[in-house]
Protein backbone atom coordinates (compact mmCIF):
# COMPACT_ATOMS: atom_id res chain seq x y z
CA MET A 1 32.71 -19.60 -0.83
CA PRO A 2 32.83 -18.00 -4.38
CA ARG A 3 33.15 -14.60 -4.45
CA ILE A 4 29.84 -12.52 -5.30
CA SER A 5 30.06 -9.30 -7.36
CA VAL A 6 28.02 -7.02 -5.65
CA GLN A 7 28.05 -4.54 -8.74
CA LYS A 8 26.39 -7.27 -10.97
CA LEU A 9 23.25 -8.12 -8.57
CA ILE A 10 22.98 -4.29 -7.92
CA GLY A 11 23.35 -3.20 -11.45
CA GLY A 12 23.37 0.80 -12.48
CA GLY A 13 21.03 3.82 -11.41
CA TYR A 14 21.52 4.35 -8.38
CA GLY A 15 25.81 5.27 -7.64
CA ASN A 16 25.37 8.54 -7.18
CA GLY A 17 23.51 7.68 -4.07
CA TRP A 18 24.85 4.83 -2.71
CA TYR A 19 26.07 5.14 0.90
CA THR A 20 29.55 4.96 0.12
CA ASN A 21 29.71 7.91 -2.48
CA CYS A 22 26.76 10.02 -0.60
CA ARG A 23 27.24 11.18 2.77
CA ALA A 24 23.97 13.44 3.08
CA ARG A 25 22.20 13.03 6.01
CA TYR A 26 18.61 12.66 3.98
CA ARG A 27 18.41 10.87 1.02
CA VAL A 28 14.72 9.99 -0.84
CA PHE A 29 14.59 7.52 -3.80
CA ALA A 30 10.80 8.22 -5.61
CA GLY A 31 10.53 6.00 -8.03
CA ALA A 32 7.79 4.67 -10.87
CA ARG A 33 7.39 0.66 -10.22
CA ASN A 34 9.66 -2.07 -10.69
CA THR A 35 12.58 0.60 -10.54
CA LYS A 36 15.29 -2.02 -7.62
CA LYS A 37 14.81 0.53 -5.32
CA SER A 38 13.22 -2.36 -2.97
CA VAL A 39 15.79 -4.40 -3.75
CA ASP A 40 18.99 -2.27 -3.98
CA ILE A 41 18.60 0.60 -1.56
CA MET A 42 16.36 -1.27 0.85
CA GLY A 43 17.64 -5.07 0.81
CA PHE A 44 21.68 -5.03 -0.15
CA GLU A 45 22.64 -1.37 1.24
CA PRO A 46 21.55 -2.09 4.95
CA ILE A 47 23.07 -5.12 5.10
CA LEU A 48 26.93 -3.95 3.26
CA LYS A 49 26.72 -1.35 5.77
CA ILE A 50 26.17 -3.77 8.80
CA LEU A 51 29.02 -5.10 7.14
CA SER A 52 31.09 -2.19 6.91
CA ASN A 53 31.60 -0.96 10.20
CA PRO A 54 31.22 -3.24 13.47
CA TYR A 55 29.28 -0.82 15.43
CA ARG A 56 26.37 0.73 12.90
CA ASN A 57 22.99 -0.78 13.46
CA VAL A 58 19.28 -0.36 10.97
CA LEU A 59 16.43 0.62 11.59
CA PHE A 60 13.40 -0.47 9.58
CA ALA A 61 10.45 1.31 9.47
CA ARG A 62 6.90 1.27 7.88
CA GLN A 63 4.10 2.66 8.79
CA ASN A 64 2.49 -0.20 10.19
CA ASP A 65 4.58 -2.68 11.88
CA VAL A 66 2.53 -5.44 10.46
CA ASP A 67 3.38 -4.75 6.54
CA ASN A 68 7.36 -5.30 7.72
CA GLY A 69 6.46 -9.10 8.24
CA SER A 70 5.11 -9.17 4.47
CA SER A 71 8.28 -6.90 2.47
CA THR A 72 10.77 -5.17 4.49
CA PHE A 73 11.58 -8.48 6.51
CA PRO A 74 11.29 -10.95 3.91
CA ASN A 75 13.24 -9.00 1.57
CA ILE A 76 16.42 -8.64 3.57
CA ILE A 77 16.31 -12.24 4.01
CA GLN A 78 16.19 -13.15 0.28
CA ARG A 79 19.18 -10.57 -0.25
CA MET A 80 21.23 -11.78 2.24
CA GLU A 81 20.60 -15.30 0.81
CA GLU A 82 21.85 -14.03 -2.58
CA LEU A 83 25.13 -12.40 -1.13
CA GLY A 84 26.17 -15.37 0.84
CA VAL A 85 26.01 -14.30 4.37
CA LEU A 86 22.72 -15.47 5.73
CA GLY A 87 24.71 -18.20 7.58
CA GLU A 88 25.90 -15.68 9.59
CA PHE A 89 23.35 -13.41 10.89
CA GLN A 90 20.18 -15.09 13.44
CA ILE A 91 17.25 -14.27 12.44
CA ARG A 92 14.37 -14.02 14.91
CA SER A 93 10.49 -13.55 14.17
CA ALA A 94 8.66 -12.28 17.57
CA PRO A 95 9.92 -9.66 17.64
CA ARG A 96 11.17 -9.30 14.06
CA SER A 97 14.83 -8.97 14.33
CA ILE A 98 18.01 -9.78 12.43
CA VAL A 99 21.49 -10.18 14.78
CA TYR A 100 25.03 -10.56 12.89
CA ARG A 101 26.07 -13.49 15.13
CA PRO A 102 30.00 -12.23 14.98
CA THR A 103 29.44 -8.49 16.34
CA GLY A 104 25.74 -8.66 17.85
CA GLN A 105 24.58 -5.71 15.68
CA GLU A 106 21.36 -5.48 15.09
CA ILE A 107 18.59 -4.63 11.70
CA LEU A 108 15.10 -3.61 13.74
CA PHE A 109 11.44 -3.92 12.24
CA LYS A 110 9.12 -2.06 13.38
CA GLY A 111 5.91 -0.08 12.96
CA PHE A 112 5.95 4.29 12.57
CA ASN A 113 2.21 4.06 13.90
CA ASN A 114 4.20 4.06 17.41
CA PRO A 115 6.73 6.54 16.31
CA THR A 116 7.88 7.27 20.53
CA SER A 117 8.82 3.20 20.27
CA GLN A 118 11.57 4.39 18.15
CA THR A 119 12.68 7.09 20.22
CA SER A 120 14.65 5.52 22.97
CA LEU A 121 16.73 3.15 20.84
CA LYS A 122 19.61 1.78 22.21
CA ALA A 123 21.62 -0.71 20.55
CA ARG A 124 23.41 -3.59 22.27
CA ARG A 125 26.66 -2.95 20.58
CA GLY A 126 27.56 0.97 18.68
CA VAL A 127 24.89 2.79 17.47
CA PHE A 128 21.57 3.52 15.40
CA THR A 129 23.46 4.73 12.58
CA ASP A 130 20.95 4.23 9.94
CA VAL A 131 16.57 4.67 9.43
CA TYR A 132 15.22 3.10 6.44
CA PHE A 133 11.30 4.10 6.01
CA GLU A 134 10.08 1.94 3.12
CA GLU A 135 6.70 2.53 1.24
CA SER A 136 7.05 5.93 2.93
CA SER A 137 4.25 7.82 1.37
CA GLU A 138 2.35 6.13 3.96
CA LEU A 139 4.16 8.29 6.62
CA ARG A 140 1.19 10.52 7.55
CA SER A 141 2.98 13.08 9.97
CA TYR A 142 5.67 14.81 9.77
CA GLU A 143 5.84 15.43 13.28
CA ASP A 144 6.10 11.91 14.19
CA PHE A 145 9.00 11.35 11.34
CA ARG A 146 10.64 14.34 13.55
CA LYS A 147 11.22 12.49 16.48
CA VAL A 148 12.30 9.35 14.52
CA ASP A 149 15.00 11.80 13.14
CA GLY A 150 15.74 13.53 16.58
CA SER A 151 16.78 9.88 18.22
CA ILE A 152 19.38 9.47 15.35
CA ARG A 153 22.69 10.87 16.97
CA LEU A 154 26.00 10.36 18.08
CA GLY A 155 26.01 10.61 21.96
CA VAL A 156 29.26 12.17 23.66
CA GLY A 157 32.41 10.48 22.76
CA GLU A 158 30.53 7.95 20.31
CA ALA A 159 31.81 9.20 17.52
CA GLU A 160 35.67 8.95 18.83
CA ARG A 161 34.65 5.58 20.37
CA TYR A 162 32.98 3.82 17.23
CA GLY A 163 34.91 5.33 14.48
CA LEU A 164 31.18 6.92 12.99
CA SER A 165 30.59 10.74 12.43
CA GLU A 166 27.29 12.71 11.93
CA ALA A 167 27.98 12.17 7.74
CA ASP A 168 27.34 8.62 9.09
CA LEU A 169 24.18 9.12 10.13
CA GLN A 170 21.60 8.54 7.68
CA LEU A 171 17.68 8.44 7.19
CA THR A 172 16.45 6.58 3.88
CA LEU A 173 12.61 6.71 2.26
CA CYS A 174 11.80 5.21 0.01
CA MET A 175 8.37 5.77 -2.23
CA ASN A 176 6.06 5.35 -5.49
CA PRO A 177 5.41 9.06 -5.69
CA TRP A 178 1.45 8.55 -5.42
CA ASN A 179 0.66 11.27 -4.21
CA LYS A 180 1.75 15.40 -4.37
CA SER A 181 0.04 16.71 -1.34
CA HIS A 182 2.13 14.25 0.57
CA TRP A 183 4.07 16.07 3.44
CA ILE A 184 7.40 14.32 1.63
CA TYR A 185 7.21 16.61 -1.29
CA ASP A 186 6.87 20.04 0.50
CA VAL A 187 9.97 19.16 2.70
CA PHE A 188 12.15 17.61 0.83
CA PHE A 189 11.26 17.99 -3.45
CA LYS A 190 9.27 21.57 -3.70
CA GLY A 191 11.48 23.79 -5.61
CA ARG A 192 14.39 21.33 -5.61
CA LEU A 193 13.66 18.09 -8.06
CA GLU A 194 10.47 18.88 -9.91
CA ASP A 195 8.70 16.32 -12.50
CA ASP A 196 10.08 17.02 -15.88
CA PRO A 197 8.01 13.92 -18.09
CA GLU A 198 10.21 14.81 -21.35
CA GLU A 199 13.40 14.38 -19.25
CA MET A 200 12.14 11.37 -17.59
CA GLU A 201 11.43 9.58 -21.27
CA ARG A 202 14.95 10.66 -22.21
CA ARG A 203 16.73 9.09 -18.86
CA SER A 204 16.22 6.25 -16.53
CA PHE A 205 16.73 8.62 -13.57
CA ILE A 206 17.62 12.22 -12.48
CA ASP A 207 18.98 12.90 -8.80
CA THR A 208 20.33 16.02 -7.23
CA TYR A 209 22.18 17.20 -4.28
CA ASP A 210 21.78 20.10 -1.79
CA PRO A 211 24.58 19.49 1.00
CA GLY A 212 23.34 22.33 2.93
CA PHE A 213 19.95 21.39 3.55
CA SER A 214 19.23 20.73 7.35
CA LEU A 215 16.23 19.96 9.72
CA GLY A 216 18.71 21.05 12.88
CA PHE A 217 19.82 17.57 12.96
CA GLY A 218 22.51 16.97 10.25
CA ARG A 219 23.21 18.18 6.55
CA GLY A 220 22.53 17.29 2.96
CA LEU A 221 19.65 16.18 1.15
CA TYR A 222 20.41 13.77 -1.76
CA LEU A 223 17.26 13.10 -3.94
CA HIS A 224 16.61 10.89 -6.72
CA LYS A 225 13.64 9.96 -9.18
CA ALA A 226 13.67 6.79 -11.59
CA ASN A 227 11.51 5.45 -14.21
CA TYR A 228 11.17 1.66 -14.96
CA ARG A 229 14.20 1.61 -17.33
CA ILE A 230 16.26 1.73 -14.70
CA ASN A 231 16.15 -1.58 -13.72
CA GLU A 232 17.98 -3.41 -16.34
CA PHE A 233 16.80 -7.07 -14.74
CA ARG A 234 13.08 -6.32 -16.12
CA SER A 235 11.72 -8.87 -17.90
CA PRO A 236 11.46 -8.87 -21.67
CA ASP A 237 7.61 -8.10 -22.55
CA TYR A 238 7.90 -5.21 -19.73
CA ASP A 239 8.65 -2.05 -21.71
CA ALA A 240 5.79 -3.32 -24.53
CA ASN A 241 3.51 -3.28 -21.40
CA MET A 242 4.38 0.15 -20.03
CA ALA A 243 3.64 1.13 -23.84
CA ILE A 244 0.06 0.21 -23.69
CA LEU A 245 -0.17 1.78 -20.33
CA ARG A 246 1.08 5.17 -21.92
CA GLU A 247 -1.41 4.86 -24.42
CA LYS A 248 -4.63 3.20 -22.14
CA ALA A 249 -3.91 5.51 -18.92
CA PRO A 250 -1.66 8.18 -19.56
CA GLU A 251 -2.22 9.38 -15.85
CA ILE A 252 -1.38 6.31 -14.31
CA TYR A 253 1.92 5.51 -16.93
CA LEU A 254 3.23 9.14 -15.41
CA VAL A 255 3.49 7.55 -11.93
CA GLU A 256 3.61 3.83 -12.34
CA GLY A 257 6.14 4.18 -15.71
CA LEU A 258 7.61 7.37 -15.50
CA GLY A 259 7.95 8.36 -11.11
CA CYS A 260 6.39 11.27 -11.46
CA TRP A 261 3.94 12.25 -8.76
CA GLY A 262 0.73 11.36 -8.70
CA ASN A 263 -2.86 12.42 -7.60
CA SER A 264 -2.50 16.27 -9.55
CA ALA A 265 -6.45 16.08 -9.79
CA GLU A 266 -9.34 15.97 -7.48
CA GLY A 267 -11.05 13.16 -8.91
CA THR A 268 -9.78 9.47 -7.14
CA TYR A 269 -10.74 7.57 -10.41
CA PRO A 270 -10.17 10.00 -13.18
CA GLU A 271 -10.45 6.85 -15.62
CA PHE A 272 -14.15 5.67 -14.41
CA THR A 273 -16.15 6.72 -17.51
CA ASP A 274 -19.70 6.00 -18.48
CA ASP A 275 -18.16 3.20 -19.97
CA LEU A 276 -18.11 1.32 -17.91
CA ILE A 277 -21.64 1.17 -16.55
CA ILE A 278 -23.71 -1.16 -18.47
CA PRO A 279 -27.22 -2.30 -18.15
CA ARG A 280 -28.05 -4.71 -15.44
CA GLN A 281 -29.28 -7.47 -17.96
CA GLU A 282 -26.08 -6.81 -19.69
CA ALA A 283 -24.23 -7.69 -16.90
CA ASN A 284 -26.26 -10.37 -15.19
CA SER A 285 -25.36 -12.00 -18.52
CA ILE A 286 -21.61 -12.03 -18.59
CA PRO A 287 -19.96 -15.54 -17.70
CA LEU A 288 -18.44 -16.01 -14.58
CA ALA A 289 -15.91 -17.53 -12.44
CA CYS A 290 -16.58 -16.85 -8.92
CA VAL A 291 -18.68 -13.62 -7.12
CA CYS A 292 -18.38 -12.87 -3.26
CA VAL A 293 -20.56 -10.57 -0.79
CA GLY A 294 -18.66 -7.41 0.17
CA ILE A 295 -20.24 -5.71 3.96
CA ASP A 296 -19.49 -2.54 4.95
CA PHE A 297 -20.93 -1.08 7.91
CA GLY A 298 -18.97 2.59 8.24
CA ILE A 299 -17.80 1.83 11.74
CA GLY A 300 -14.05 1.64 9.94
CA ASN A 301 -11.39 3.55 8.14
CA GLY A 302 -11.60 1.20 5.32
CA GLU A 303 -8.65 -0.52 6.47
CA GLY A 304 -9.53 -3.07 9.47
CA SER A 305 -9.36 -0.40 12.33
CA PRO A 306 -12.52 1.43 13.55
CA LEU A 307 -13.05 5.00 14.15
CA ARG A 308 -11.91 6.88 16.74
CA GLY A 309 -13.72 9.67 18.41
CA LYS A 310 -15.02 12.39 16.40
CA GLU A 311 -15.34 10.33 12.81
CA GLN A 312 -16.82 7.61 14.55
CA ALA A 313 -19.39 9.69 16.14
CA LYS A 314 -20.27 10.96 12.49
CA ALA A 315 -19.63 7.44 11.14
CA ILE A 316 -22.40 5.53 13.19
CA GLY A 317 -25.21 4.57 11.57
CA SER A 318 -24.37 6.68 8.34
CA ALA A 319 -25.00 3.83 6.02
CA THR A 320 -24.36 0.15 5.27
CA THR A 321 -24.06 -1.44 2.17
CA MET A 322 -23.82 -4.74 0.95
CA GLN A 323 -22.42 -5.47 -2.78
CA LEU A 324 -22.35 -8.65 -4.97
CA VAL A 325 -19.21 -8.83 -7.30
CA GLY A 326 -18.37 -11.19 -9.80
CA LEU A 327 -14.98 -12.40 -11.54
CA ALA A 328 -15.83 -12.82 -15.39
CA SER A 329 -15.03 -16.73 -16.52
CA ASP A 330 -11.86 -15.47 -18.31
CA PHE A 331 -10.20 -13.63 -15.35
CA SER A 332 -9.92 -10.20 -16.61
CA SER A 333 -12.63 -8.84 -15.60
CA ILE A 334 -14.68 -7.56 -12.36
CA VAL A 335 -18.28 -6.86 -12.41
CA CYS A 336 -20.02 -5.01 -10.04
CA LEU A 337 -23.51 -6.61 -10.56
CA ASP A 338 -25.84 -5.55 -7.42
CA GLU A 339 -26.14 -4.00 -4.36
CA TRP A 340 -27.79 -3.25 -1.08
CA PHE A 341 -27.72 0.24 0.76
CA TRP A 342 -29.57 1.88 3.57
CA THR A 343 -28.67 5.07 5.24
CA ASN A 344 -29.71 6.16 8.87
CA GLN A 345 -29.02 9.94 7.74
CA GLY A 346 -32.83 10.19 6.56
CA PRO A 347 -35.85 11.23 8.12
CA ILE A 348 -37.01 7.19 8.52
CA LYS A 349 -34.91 4.94 10.35
CA LYS A 350 -33.94 1.10 11.15
CA THR A 351 -32.63 -0.76 14.27
CA GLY A 352 -29.72 -3.24 13.92
CA PRO A 353 -32.03 -6.38 13.88
CA GLN A 354 -34.34 -4.99 10.99
CA ILE A 355 -31.47 -4.18 9.10
CA GLN A 356 -30.14 -7.51 9.21
CA ALA A 357 -33.16 -9.26 8.59
CA GLU A 358 -33.44 -7.54 5.09
CA MET A 359 -29.86 -8.26 4.39
CA VAL A 360 -30.36 -11.58 4.90
CA GLY A 361 -32.72 -11.37 2.90
CA LYS A 362 -30.86 -9.80 -0.21
CA LEU A 363 -28.25 -12.78 0.59
CA LYS A 364 -31.29 -15.70 0.08
CA GLU A 365 -32.26 -13.13 -3.28
CA TRP A 366 -28.62 -13.15 -4.38
CA ARG A 367 -27.70 -16.93 -3.92
CA ASP A 368 -31.36 -18.25 -5.61
CA SER A 369 -30.29 -16.03 -8.34
CA ALA A 370 -29.00 -16.31 -12.09
CA HIS A 371 -25.85 -15.96 -10.02
CA ALA A 372 -25.80 -19.11 -7.65
CA GLY A 373 -23.68 -21.41 -9.48
CA ALA A 374 -20.73 -19.15 -9.25
CA PHE A 375 -21.16 -19.12 -5.64
CA GLY A 376 -19.82 -22.41 -5.45
CA LEU A 377 -21.37 -25.25 -3.78
CA GLY A 378 -24.24 -22.95 -2.98
CA GLY A 379 -22.21 -21.37 -0.56
CA VAL A 380 -22.23 -17.51 -0.11
CA ALA A 381 -19.45 -15.91 0.97
CA CYS A 382 -19.30 -12.36 2.62
CA TYR A 383 -16.30 -10.45 3.43
CA VAL A 384 -17.51 -7.83 6.57
CA ASP A 385 -16.12 -4.91 7.44
CA SER A 386 -13.37 -6.55 9.78
CA ALA A 387 -13.42 -3.18 11.93
CA ASP A 388 -16.44 -4.65 13.53
CA SER A 389 -15.74 -6.06 16.91
CA GLY A 390 -18.29 -8.58 16.30
CA GLY A 391 -21.26 -7.22 17.50
CA PHE A 392 -22.79 -6.46 13.92
CA ARG A 393 -21.39 -9.11 12.12
CA GLN A 394 -22.73 -12.06 15.39
CA GLY A 395 -25.81 -10.90 15.09
CA LEU A 396 -25.80 -10.62 10.93
CA GLU A 397 -24.60 -14.38 11.24
CA LEU A 398 -27.38 -15.43 13.63
CA GLU A 399 -30.29 -14.02 11.36
CA ALA A 400 -29.01 -15.58 8.52
CA ARG A 401 -28.96 -19.38 10.43
CA ARG A 402 -32.10 -18.42 12.07
CA ARG A 403 -33.63 -17.59 7.85
CA GLY A 404 -32.41 -20.89 6.92
CA LEU A 405 -29.27 -19.32 5.17
CA MET A 406 -27.07 -22.02 6.45
CA SER A 407 -24.42 -21.78 3.49
CA ALA A 408 -23.76 -18.40 3.93
CA ALA A 409 -20.09 -17.75 5.84
CA PHE A 410 -19.27 -14.18 7.37
CA LEU A 411 -15.61 -13.31 7.48
CA PRO A 412 -13.14 -10.71 8.02
CA SER A 413 -12.55 -8.10 4.92
CA THR A 414 -9.32 -7.47 3.22
CA LYS A 415 -6.81 -4.56 5.15
CA ILE A 416 -5.15 -4.38 2.08
CA PRO A 417 -4.24 -0.50 1.88
CA ILE A 418 -6.85 1.83 0.49
CA GLN A 419 -3.58 3.26 -1.82
CA SER A 420 -3.16 -0.63 -3.73
CA ARG A 421 -7.17 -0.51 -4.27
CA VAL A 422 -7.14 2.46 -5.30
CA ASP A 423 -4.55 1.70 -7.89
CA PHE A 424 -5.77 -1.39 -8.94
CA SER A 425 -8.90 -0.19 -9.15
CA ARG A 426 -7.97 2.47 -11.70
CA LEU A 427 -5.42 0.04 -13.32
CA LEU A 428 -8.67 -2.60 -14.47
CA MET A 429 -11.17 0.86 -15.12
CA ALA A 430 -8.50 2.38 -17.83
CA TYR A 431 -8.35 -1.36 -19.54
CA GLY A 432 -12.30 -1.42 -19.81
CA GLU A 433 -12.07 -3.93 -17.11
CA PHE A 434 -14.30 -2.63 -14.34
CA LYS A 435 -17.68 -2.94 -15.15
CA VAL A 436 -20.46 -2.00 -12.98
CA SER A 437 -23.99 -2.57 -13.29
CA GLU A 438 -26.59 0.06 -13.04
CA ALA A 439 -27.90 -1.81 -9.97
CA CYS A 440 -25.51 -0.44 -8.52
CA PRO A 441 -25.92 3.49 -8.27
CA ASN A 442 -24.61 4.54 -4.71
CA LEU A 443 -21.80 2.35 -5.97
CA ILE A 444 -21.68 4.98 -9.51
CA ARG A 445 -22.45 7.63 -7.17
CA GLU A 446 -19.87 7.15 -5.06
CA MET A 447 -16.95 6.26 -7.59
CA ARG A 448 -18.14 9.35 -9.77
CA ASN A 449 -17.68 11.64 -6.48
CA ALA A 450 -14.12 10.27 -4.93
CA ARG A 451 -11.71 13.06 -3.94
CA ARG A 452 -8.54 13.03 -2.11
CA GLY A 453 -8.44 13.82 1.23
CA GLU A 454 -7.11 17.03 2.71
CA ASP A 455 -4.43 14.84 4.58
CA GLY A 456 -3.12 13.22 1.05
CA ARG A 457 -4.87 10.48 1.19
CA VAL A 458 -5.32 8.94 -1.85
CA ARG A 459 -9.68 8.55 -1.18
CA ALA A 460 -10.98 10.99 1.71
CA ASP A 461 -12.69 8.65 4.42
CA TRP A 462 -16.26 9.53 3.87
CA ASP A 463 -18.95 8.51 1.51
CA ASP A 464 -17.16 5.54 0.67
CA HIS A 465 -19.21 2.79 2.20
CA ALA A 466 -20.33 1.14 -0.88
CA THR A 467 -16.67 1.68 -2.91
CA ASN A 468 -15.56 -0.32 0.37
CA ALA A 469 -17.65 -2.81 0.35
CA CYS A 470 -16.85 -3.36 -3.38
CA GLU A 471 -13.49 -3.59 -2.51
CA TYR A 472 -13.78 -6.05 0.04
CA ALA A 473 -15.57 -8.30 -2.33
CA TRP A 474 -13.11 -8.45 -5.10
CA ALA A 475 -10.28 -8.81 -2.67
CA PRO A 476 -10.40 -12.43 -1.59
CA PHE A 477 -10.47 -13.17 -5.47
CA ARG A 478 -7.71 -10.73 -6.53
CA GLU A 479 -5.03 -13.19 -7.25
CA ARG A 480 -6.92 -15.09 -10.10
CA ILE A 481 -7.58 -11.64 -11.73
CA ARG A 482 -4.84 -11.60 -15.04
CA ARG A 483 -3.68 -8.38 -14.45
CA TRP A 484 -3.06 -9.04 -10.53
CA ARG A 485 0.13 -11.39 -11.38
CA ALA A 486 1.82 -8.23 -12.59
CA PHE A 487 0.70 -5.52 -9.93
CA LYS A 488 2.91 -4.53 -7.47
CA SER A 489 0.74 -3.80 -4.38
CA HIS A 490 1.41 -1.06 -2.56
């Protein structure tokens, strides 16, 4: 087997924080898009840690375990292939784990949405020495993080038995710094490594080390912030694209280009201006490649999970909406064409069957409208709030069949994180490629009024039904939108 140069694979920029050079218990890598952190820190490094000591074991954690399947798990496998060691590992998909054949060491993948499952980790050989938190800006609870933090420790006699020390135990967080109100900023960055856009324009990264930092379980904090220039493997046209982004959308550039903290403004969509709102006739005259319908019942959190307790009680019957959204024939612009919106919070109430009947009537109107050709073979694709257990959606489908709308398909909506949906919408808005017809007054109102949540979320989970429905509609054809090809989903 030919010798492989790890240095050539990882490039530069992360040497100060690399595990052989940094013994801090906590390391936080907050960078812009395309900064290699997923490849270098979340990919090559944990594999090399496993190979460096026969008693080390690694845990990968995300807010939701399902996200490991499309991110951390395939990333590790790909890095193993590049290192030429994949054959030395056994890959298990249910549950997700990777085992080093010679020793039985493990790399586990779990969801942070159940942190108690991570507090009683027992390795078959050695101990769990490392936790890697991918997309750690998703981690909503500092208390849950602390539970996992407390589980990474050496028992009596384990240090001597395994040739390890407390300095070998590390918790590593990687993130795009979308939101300065997140607890990660307050706990780790505040007063230690603040944003300096001018400095970040001059350098590819800035970092700092605090050896005395402690949360009670170990010492040392290493912080690293990087911009896109740290990636010497970036495509030749990436710099030109960043220059355009800096001119068109300076707030987005600060986050996606320089790695500065985002969401400094209260508004979720600062790029949504009156120039993006167009007359109904103009919207209807835009040639379209395809159209879809998004439907939100107001019973979920916008990402496919039902609301619970008080949140659910507040939401039930609050609003039901459909949004008709098209993709321009040049595959560059999203066009929000029309909407149907009803709220039961006013003095007049409607029953479920009444609402379903009106919705089907509107769907038939859209099917027979000027946009009929863009539906494709006369079909109407409706992407419905996947938090619905089947009751309302099933009733809507039965009503459509009863009314002769046989071509309508009612499908579960996207579960793409709201952060990614907001980021992509803002990018299109900045380039003038997100058009909204005046026929969508509720969507316009929601986008103008959208604010970040008190819990740090990019968009507060209230008065966002039309917005969610709009996103459900354009998500199915996102792969055909030109800018999606270079967009890194959160």
